[in-house]
């Protein structure tokens, strides 16, 4: 289960269509969840910034009939936050 304000990131086919859970919920393996440390990072800010790192994911995703980013590849992504 993921808590409210978890950012959901699609990592197969429609990479970059990110959203945020409004309530506690769950999701499948083709979606990664990013939970922020709310004392350090505002989850809504991270959601708006997700556009930038999603563009990077799309560029680096494995080519083929359908783009896909593995859980390990997703976990290795680095981004800047103020």
Protein backbone atom coordinates (compact mmCIF):
# COMPACT_ATOMS: atom_id res chain seq x y z
CA UNK A 1 0.00 0.00 0.00
CA UNK A 2 1.15 3.49 -0.80
CA UNK A 3 0.27 6.51 1.29
CA UNK A 4 -1.50 9.64 0.07
CA UNK A 5 0.78 12.05 -1.82
CA UNK A 6 2.85 9.22 -3.33
CA UNK A 7 3.92 10.23 -6.83
CA UNK A 8 3.09 7.53 -9.36
CA UNK A 9 5.42 7.26 -12.35
CA UNK A 10 4.58 5.15 -15.39
CA UNK A 11 7.60 3.15 -16.51
CA UNK A 12 6.24 1.29 -19.51
CA UNK A 13 4.70 2.49 -22.78
CA UNK A 14 3.29 5.89 -21.71
CA UNK A 15 6.39 6.96 -19.75
CA UNK A 16 6.03 10.39 -18.20
CA UNK A 17 2.33 10.36 -17.42
CA UNK A 18 2.78 10.95 -13.71
CA UNK A 19 0.21 11.66 -11.04
CA UNK A 20 -0.19 11.71 -7.26
CA UNK A 21 -2.35 9.57 -5.02
CA UNK A 22 -5.00 11.59 -3.20
CA UNK A 23 -5.65 8.73 -0.77
CA UNK A 24 -3.91 5.56 0.36
CA UNK A 25 -3.86 3.13 -2.56
CA UNK A 26 -1.98 0.52 -4.52
CA UNK A 27 -0.63 0.18 -8.04
CA UNK A 28 0.83 -2.48 -10.32
CA UNK A 29 4.45 -3.34 -11.23
CA UNK A 30 4.46 -1.13 -14.30
CA UNK A 31 4.16 1.96 -12.14
CA UNK A 32 6.76 3.12 -9.64
CA UNK A 33 5.87 5.07 -6.52
CA UNK A 34 7.99 7.89 -5.15
CA UNK A 35 7.34 8.84 -1.53
CA UNK A 36 9.05 12.02 -0.39
CA UNK A 37 10.32 12.93 3.02
CA UNK A 38 7.59 15.52 3.62
CA UNK A 39 9.70 17.35 6.20
CA UNK A 40 12.32 18.04 3.52
CA UNK A 41 10.49 17.98 0.17
CA UNK A 42 7.02 19.10 -0.79
CA UNK A 43 5.41 16.24 -2.75
CA UNK A 44 3.49 18.65 -5.01
CA UNK A 45 6.74 20.38 -5.94
CA UNK A 46 8.32 17.00 -6.76
CA UNK A 47 5.32 16.15 -8.93
CA UNK A 48 5.82 19.33 -10.96
CA UNK A 49 9.53 18.54 -11.25
CA UNK A 50 8.76 15.00 -12.40
CA UNK A 51 8.36 16.37 -15.93
CA UNK A 52 12.12 16.91 -16.08
CA UNK A 53 13.22 13.51 -14.85
CA UNK A 54 10.51 11.77 -16.87
CA UNK A 55 12.01 13.31 -20.00
CA UNK A 56 15.34 11.75 -18.99
CA UNK A 57 13.66 8.39 -18.39
CA UNK A 58 12.08 8.50 -21.85
CA UNK A 59 15.43 9.21 -23.50
CA UNK A 60 17.16 6.37 -21.65
CA UNK A 61 14.35 3.78 -21.79
CA UNK A 62 15.08 0.58 -23.62
CA UNK A 63 14.02 0.83 -27.24
CA UNK A 64 11.78 -1.76 -28.78
CA UNK A 65 8.13 -2.19 -29.52
CA UNK A 66 7.39 -0.66 -26.12
CA UNK A 67 9.65 1.55 -23.99
CA UNK A 68 10.24 0.24 -20.48
CA UNK A 69 12.25 1.33 -17.44
CA UNK A 70 13.14 -1.31 -14.85
CA UNK A 71 12.79 -0.77 -11.11
CA UNK A 72 16.62 -0.70 -10.80
CA UNK A 73 16.95 1.90 -13.56
CA UNK A 74 14.24 4.01 -11.94
CA UNK A 75 15.92 3.77 -8.53
CA UNK A 76 19.20 5.01 -9.99
CA UNK A 77 17.75 8.27 -11.34
CA UNK A 78 19.17 11.41 -9.78
CA UNK A 79 17.58 14.84 -9.86
CA UNK A 80 18.20 18.23 -8.32
CA UNK A 81 15.90 19.77 -5.73
CA UNK A 82 16.37 23.14 -4.04
